[in-house]
Amino acid sequence: MTGRKVAPYWTSPLLMTPSLFPESLLKLSDSELKKELEKYGEIPGPIMPSTKNVYIKRLVRLQSGSANSKDTQYGEYLPELRKHLEGRADTPDMFTVEEIHVHAFRLQKGLEGGVS
């Protein structure tokens, strides 16, 4: 391995060519594009001139039904982290989790349960 970084597939100039996108999508405002993506459960980041074509491409995939969870903007992350980033994770109440661990630690050290 040479340590050379390979650009992500979605930055390919061929895939980013606006002429490949439906004209109706190219005319969407940034807020309209965001709303369309949200209809499909996406959580888009900032939509700017440098990112708009990426989001339009994503919307085309979603509309065609060819998108899956590995195609999301978080596709390079592990599945567990991707669920959290996409807002699909069931996150426990961290205060309760902390209390359980504190109690278990104190029991192990003999600080609770009547042991002095």
N, C-alpha and C. Protein backbone atom coordinates (compact mmCIF):
# COMPACT_ATOMS: atom_id res chain seq x y z
N MET A 1 0.84 -1.18 0.00
CA MET A 1 0.00 0.00 0.00
C MET A 1 0.89 1.24 0.00
N THR A 2 0.57 2.20 -0.82
CA THR A 2 1.41 3.39 -0.98
C THR A 2 0.99 4.53 -0.09
N GLY A 3 -0.13 4.42 0.58
CA GLY A 3 -0.63 5.51 1.42
C GLY A 3 -1.38 6.55 0.60
N ARG A 4 -1.53 6.31 -0.69
CA ARG A 4 -2.24 7.23 -1.57
C ARG A 4 -3.73 7.18 -1.28
N LYS A 5 -4.34 8.33 -1.10
CA LYS A 5 -5.78 8.38 -0.84
C LYS A 5 -6.55 8.35 -2.15
N VAL A 6 -7.60 7.58 -2.17
CA VAL A 6 -8.46 7.49 -3.33
C VAL A 6 -9.70 8.33 -3.06
N ALA A 7 -10.07 9.14 -4.02
CA ALA A 7 -11.25 10.00 -3.86
C ALA A 7 -12.50 9.14 -3.80
N PRO A 8 -13.47 9.52 -2.97
CA PRO A 8 -14.73 8.78 -2.90
C PRO A 8 -15.42 8.75 -4.26
N TYR A 9 -16.17 7.68 -4.52
CA TYR A 9 -16.82 7.50 -5.82
C TYR A 9 -17.74 8.66 -6.18
N TRP A 10 -18.36 9.29 -5.17
CA TRP A 10 -19.35 10.33 -5.47
C TRP A 10 -18.72 11.64 -5.92
N THR A 11 -17.37 11.75 -5.88
CA THR A 11 -16.72 12.97 -6.35
C THR A 11 -16.25 12.83 -7.79
N SER A 12 -16.52 11.71 -8.41
CA SER A 12 -16.13 11.48 -9.79
C SER A 12 -16.77 12.54 -10.68
N PRO A 13 -15.99 13.21 -11.54
CA PRO A 13 -16.56 14.23 -12.42
C PRO A 13 -17.68 13.69 -13.30
N LEU A 14 -17.57 12.44 -13.74
CA LEU A 14 -18.61 11.86 -14.58
C LEU A 14 -19.94 11.77 -13.83
N LEU A 15 -19.88 11.35 -12.56
CA LEU A 15 -21.10 11.21 -11.77
C LEU A 15 -21.68 12.56 -11.36
N MET A 16 -20.88 13.59 -11.38
CA MET A 16 -21.32 14.90 -10.92
C MET A 16 -21.83 15.77 -12.07
N THR A 17 -21.86 15.27 -13.29
CA THR A 17 -22.26 16.04 -14.44
C THR A 17 -23.74 16.40 -14.34
N PRO A 18 -24.06 17.68 -14.18
CA PRO A 18 -25.46 18.09 -14.04
C PRO A 18 -26.33 17.68 -15.21
N SER A 19 -25.77 17.52 -16.40
CA SER A 19 -26.59 17.15 -17.56
C SER A 19 -27.20 15.76 -17.42
N LEU A 20 -26.69 14.96 -16.47
CA LEU A 20 -27.25 13.63 -16.24
C LEU A 20 -28.47 13.66 -15.32
N PHE A 21 -28.73 14.79 -14.70
CA PHE A 21 -29.83 14.91 -13.77
C PHE A 21 -31.08 15.44 -14.49
N PRO A 22 -32.27 15.01 -14.02
CA PRO A 22 -33.50 15.58 -14.60
C PRO A 22 -33.54 17.09 -14.39
N GLU A 23 -34.00 17.80 -15.39
CA GLU A 23 -34.03 19.27 -15.33
C GLU A 23 -34.88 19.77 -14.15
N SER A 24 -35.94 19.04 -13.84
CA SER A 24 -36.81 19.46 -12.74
C SER A 24 -36.06 19.48 -11.41
N LEU A 25 -35.12 18.55 -11.24
CA LEU A 25 -34.33 18.52 -10.00
C LEU A 25 -33.28 19.63 -9.98
N LEU A 26 -32.74 19.95 -11.13
CA LEU A 26 -31.74 21.02 -11.20
C LEU A 26 -32.34 22.38 -10.84
N LYS A 27 -33.66 22.51 -11.04
CA LYS A 27 -34.33 23.78 -10.77
C LYS A 27 -34.76 23.93 -9.30
N LEU A 28 -34.62 22.87 -8.51
CA LEU A 28 -35.03 22.94 -7.10
C LEU A 28 -34.15 23.93 -6.34
N SER A 29 -34.78 24.70 -5.46
CA SER A 29 -33.99 25.55 -4.57
C SER A 29 -33.34 24.66 -3.52
N ASP A 30 -32.40 25.20 -2.78
CA ASP A 30 -31.73 24.41 -1.74
C ASP A 30 -32.72 23.90 -0.70
N SER A 31 -33.67 24.75 -0.31
CA SER A 31 -34.65 24.32 0.70
C SER A 31 -35.60 23.27 0.15
N GLU A 32 -35.97 23.39 -1.12
CA GLU A 32 -36.83 22.38 -1.75
C GLU A 32 -36.11 21.04 -1.84
N LEU A 33 -34.83 21.08 -2.21
CA LEU A 33 -34.04 19.86 -2.30
C LEU A 33 -33.93 19.20 -0.93
N LYS A 34 -33.72 20.00 0.09
CA LYS A 34 -33.63 19.46 1.45
C LYS A 34 -34.95 18.79 1.84
N LYS A 35 -36.07 19.41 1.55
CA LYS A 35 -37.38 18.84 1.88
C LYS A 35 -37.62 17.53 1.14
N GLU A 36 -37.22 17.48 -0.13
CA GLU A 36 -37.37 16.25 -0.91
C GLU A 36 -36.54 15.12 -0.31
N LEU A 37 -35.32 15.42 0.08
CA LEU A 37 -34.46 14.40 0.70
C LEU A 37 -35.04 13.92 2.02
N GLU A 38 -35.58 14.85 2.79
CA GLU A 38 -36.17 14.51 4.10
C GLU A 38 -37.39 13.61 3.94
N LYS A 39 -38.12 13.72 2.82
CA LYS A 39 -39.27 12.84 2.57
C LYS A 39 -38.84 11.38 2.52
N TYR A 40 -37.58 11.15 2.13
CA TYR A 40 -37.04 9.79 2.03
C TYR A 40 -36.26 9.40 3.28
N GLY A 41 -36.35 10.22 4.33
CA GLY A 41 -35.68 9.89 5.58
C GLY A 41 -34.22 10.31 5.64
N GLU A 42 -33.78 11.09 4.69
CA GLU A 42 -32.40 11.56 4.68
C GLU A 42 -32.24 12.75 5.63
N ILE A 43 -31.03 12.92 6.12
CA ILE A 43 -30.70 14.06 6.95
C ILE A 43 -29.55 14.79 6.26
N PRO A 44 -29.88 15.65 5.29
CA PRO A 44 -28.81 16.29 4.53
C PRO A 44 -28.07 17.34 5.34
N GLY A 45 -26.80 17.48 5.02
CA GLY A 45 -26.00 18.55 5.61
C GLY A 45 -26.27 19.83 4.84
N PRO A 46 -25.35 20.78 4.97
CA PRO A 46 -25.55 22.05 4.25
C PRO A 46 -25.59 21.82 2.74
N ILE A 47 -26.56 22.42 2.08
CA ILE A 47 -26.63 22.33 0.62
C ILE A 47 -26.07 23.63 0.07
N MET A 48 -24.93 23.50 -0.58
CA MET A 48 -24.21 24.65 -1.14
C MET A 48 -23.88 24.34 -2.59
N PRO A 49 -23.38 25.30 -3.33
CA PRO A 49 -23.02 25.01 -4.73
C PRO A 49 -22.07 23.81 -4.86
N SER A 50 -21.18 23.64 -3.89
CA SER A 50 -20.22 22.53 -3.97
C SER A 50 -20.83 21.18 -3.59
N THR A 51 -22.00 21.16 -2.95
CA THR A 51 -22.60 19.90 -2.52
C THR A 51 -23.94 19.60 -3.20
N LYS A 52 -24.49 20.57 -3.89
CA LYS A 52 -25.84 20.42 -4.44
C LYS A 52 -25.94 19.23 -5.40
N ASN A 53 -24.98 19.08 -6.28
CA ASN A 53 -25.05 17.97 -7.24
C ASN A 53 -24.98 16.61 -6.54
N VAL A 54 -24.25 16.53 -5.45
CA VAL A 54 -24.19 15.28 -4.68
C VAL A 54 -25.57 14.95 -4.13
N TYR A 55 -26.25 15.95 -3.59
CA TYR A 55 -27.59 15.73 -3.04
C TYR A 55 -28.62 15.45 -4.12
N ILE A 56 -28.48 16.08 -5.28
CA ILE A 56 -29.39 15.79 -6.38
C ILE A 56 -29.20 14.34 -6.82
N LYS A 57 -27.95 13.93 -6.92
CA LYS A 57 -27.66 12.54 -7.30
C LYS A 57 -28.28 11.58 -6.29
N ARG A 58 -28.17 11.91 -5.01
CA ARG A 58 -28.74 11.07 -3.96
C ARG A 58 -30.26 11.00 -4.11
N LEU A 59 -30.88 12.14 -4.39
CA LEU A 59 -32.33 12.17 -4.56
C LEU A 59 -32.76 11.32 -5.77
N VAL A 60 -32.00 11.38 -6.85
CA VAL A 60 -32.31 10.56 -8.03
C VAL A 60 -32.29 9.08 -7.64
N ARG A 61 -31.28 8.67 -6.88
CA ARG A 61 -31.20 7.28 -6.44
C ARG A 61 -32.37 6.90 -5.55
N LEU A 62 -32.72 7.79 -4.64
CA LEU A 62 -33.84 7.52 -3.74
C LEU A 62 -35.15 7.40 -4.51
N GLN A 63 -35.36 8.28 -5.46
CA GLN A 63 -36.60 8.26 -6.24
C GLN A 63 -36.69 7.02 -7.12
N SER A 64 -35.54 6.53 -7.57
CA SER A 64 -35.55 5.34 -8.43
C SER A 64 -35.63 4.05 -7.63
N GLY A 65 -35.46 4.17 -6.30
CA GLY A 65 -35.52 2.99 -5.45
C GLY A 65 -34.24 2.19 -5.44
N SER A 66 -33.16 2.72 -6.03
CA SER A 66 -31.91 1.97 -6.08
C SER A 66 -30.97 2.30 -4.92
N ALA A 67 -31.40 3.15 -4.01
CA ALA A 67 -30.54 3.54 -2.88
C ALA A 67 -30.75 2.59 -1.72
N ASN A 68 -29.70 2.35 -1.00
CA ASN A 68 -29.81 1.61 0.26
C ASN A 68 -28.97 2.30 1.31
N SER A 69 -28.95 1.77 2.52
CA SER A 69 -28.29 2.46 3.62
C SER A 69 -26.79 2.63 3.40
N LYS A 70 -26.18 1.79 2.56
CA LYS A 70 -24.75 1.93 2.32
C LYS A 70 -24.45 3.09 1.37
N ASP A 71 -25.47 3.64 0.73
CA ASP A 71 -25.27 4.74 -0.20
C ASP A 71 -25.40 6.10 0.49
N THR A 72 -25.68 6.14 1.77
CA THR A 72 -25.90 7.41 2.44
C THR A 72 -24.63 8.21 2.55
N GLN A 73 -24.77 9.45 2.95
CA GLN A 73 -23.60 10.30 3.12
C GLN A 73 -22.67 9.77 4.20
N TYR A 74 -23.13 8.84 5.01
CA TYR A 74 -22.31 8.27 6.07
C TYR A 74 -21.84 6.86 5.74
N GLY A 75 -21.87 6.50 4.47
CA GLY A 75 -21.56 5.14 4.04
C GLY A 75 -20.18 4.64 4.43
N GLU A 76 -19.23 5.53 4.66
CA GLU A 76 -17.88 5.09 4.99
C GLU A 76 -17.72 4.71 6.46
N TYR A 77 -18.75 4.95 7.28
CA TYR A 77 -18.68 4.63 8.69
C TYR A 77 -19.18 3.23 8.99
N LEU A 78 -18.79 2.70 10.13
CA LEU A 78 -19.28 1.40 10.57
C LEU A 78 -20.80 1.46 10.75
N PRO A 79 -21.49 0.34 10.55
CA PRO A 79 -22.96 0.34 10.63
C PRO A 79 -23.50 0.88 11.94
N GLU A 80 -22.84 0.56 13.06
CA GLU A 80 -23.33 1.02 14.37
C GLU A 80 -23.29 2.54 14.46
N LEU A 81 -22.18 3.15 14.01
CA LEU A 81 -22.06 4.60 14.05
C LEU A 81 -22.98 5.25 13.02
N ARG A 82 -23.11 4.63 11.85
CA ARG A 82 -23.98 5.16 10.80
C ARG A 82 -25.41 5.28 11.30
N LYS A 83 -25.89 4.29 12.08
CA LYS A 83 -27.26 4.35 12.63
C LYS A 83 -27.43 5.59 13.49
N HIS A 84 -26.43 5.91 14.31
CA HIS A 84 -26.53 7.10 15.16
C HIS A 84 -26.49 8.38 14.32
N LEU A 85 -25.59 8.44 13.36
CA LEU A 85 -25.47 9.62 12.52
C LEU A 85 -26.72 9.88 11.70
N GLU A 86 -27.39 8.81 11.30
CA GLU A 86 -28.60 8.94 10.50
C GLU A 86 -29.85 9.10 11.36
N GLY A 87 -29.69 9.08 12.68
CA GLY A 87 -30.83 9.26 13.58
C GLY A 87 -31.72 8.04 13.68
N ARG A 88 -31.19 6.85 13.39
CA ARG A 88 -31.99 5.63 13.42
C ARG A 88 -31.68 4.76 14.63
N ALA A 89 -30.79 5.21 15.51
CA ALA A 89 -30.37 4.38 16.64
C ALA A 89 -31.28 4.59 17.85
N ASP A 90 -31.47 3.52 18.59
CA ASP A 90 -32.22 3.60 19.84
C ASP A 90 -31.20 3.86 20.94
N THR A 91 -31.05 5.12 21.32
CA THR A 91 -30.04 5.50 22.29
C THR A 91 -30.63 5.44 23.69
N PRO A 92 -29.99 4.68 24.59
CA PRO A 92 -30.52 4.59 25.95
C PRO A 92 -30.34 5.90 26.72
N ASP A 93 -31.11 6.03 27.79
CA ASP A 93 -30.97 7.18 28.68
C ASP A 93 -29.62 7.05 29.37
N MET A 94 -28.69 7.92 29.06
CA MET A 94 -27.32 7.79 29.56
C MET A 94 -27.23 8.00 31.07
N PHE A 95 -28.12 8.80 31.66
CA PHE A 95 -28.10 8.98 33.10
C PHE A 95 -28.39 7.65 33.80
N THR A 96 -29.38 6.93 33.30
CA THR A 96 -29.72 5.62 33.88
C THR A 96 -28.58 4.64 33.72
N VAL A 97 -27.95 4.61 32.55
CA VAL A 97 -26.81 3.72 32.31
C VAL A 97 -25.68 4.05 33.28
N GLU A 98 -25.41 5.33 33.49
CA GLU A 98 -24.36 5.74 34.42
C GLU A 98 -24.69 5.29 35.85
N GLU A 99 -25.93 5.47 36.26
CA GLU A 99 -26.33 5.05 37.61
C GLU A 99 -26.15 3.54 37.81
N ILE A 100 -26.47 2.77 36.81
CA ILE A 100 -26.30 1.31 36.89
C ILE A 100 -24.82 0.97 37.08
N HIS A 101 -23.96 1.63 36.33
CA HIS A 101 -22.52 1.35 36.44
C HIS A 101 -21.95 1.82 37.77
N VAL A 102 -22.40 2.96 38.26
CA VAL A 102 -21.94 3.46 39.56
C VAL A 102 -22.34 2.47 40.65
N HIS A 103 -23.58 2.00 40.61
CA HIS A 103 -24.08 1.04 41.60
C HIS A 103 -23.26 -0.25 41.54
N ALA A 104 -23.02 -0.76 40.35
CA ALA A 104 -22.24 -2.00 40.20
C ALA A 104 -20.82 -1.81 40.72
N PHE A 105 -20.22 -0.66 40.45
CA PHE A 105 -18.87 -0.38 40.93
C PHE A 105 -18.84 -0.35 42.46
N ARG A 106 -19.81 0.34 43.04
CA ARG A 106 -19.85 0.43 44.51
C ARG A 106 -20.06 -0.93 45.15
N LEU A 107 -20.90 -1.76 44.56
CA LEU A 107 -21.10 -3.12 45.09
C LEU A 107 -19.80 -3.91 45.02
N GLN A 108 -19.11 -3.79 43.92
CA GLN A 108 -17.86 -4.52 43.74
C GLN A 108 -16.81 -4.06 44.75
N LYS A 109 -16.78 -2.79 45.06
CA LYS A 109 -15.79 -2.25 46.00
C LYS A 109 -16.26 -2.35 47.45
N GLY A 110 -17.45 -2.88 47.67
CA GLY A 110 -17.96 -3.03 49.03
C GLY A 110 -18.44 -1.73 49.63
N LEU A 111 -18.81 -0.78 48.81
CA LEU A 111 -19.26 0.52 49.30
C LEU A 111 -20.75 0.57 49.53
N GLU A 112 -21.49 -0.44 49.07
CA GLU A 112 -22.93 -0.48 49.27
C GLU A 112 -23.29 -1.87 49.78
N GLY A 113 -24.49 -1.98 50.25
CA GLY A 113 -25.00 -3.29 50.67
C GLY A 113 -24.65 -3.64 52.09
N GLY A 114 -24.33 -2.65 52.93
CA GLY A 114 -24.09 -2.91 54.35
C GLY A 114 -22.67 -3.34 54.68
N VAL A 115 -21.78 -3.39 53.68
CA VAL A 115 -20.39 -3.75 53.96
C VAL A 115 -19.64 -2.49 54.26
N SER A 116 -18.87 -2.48 55.37
CA SER A 116 -18.13 -1.28 55.70
C SER A 116 -16.68 -1.41 55.34
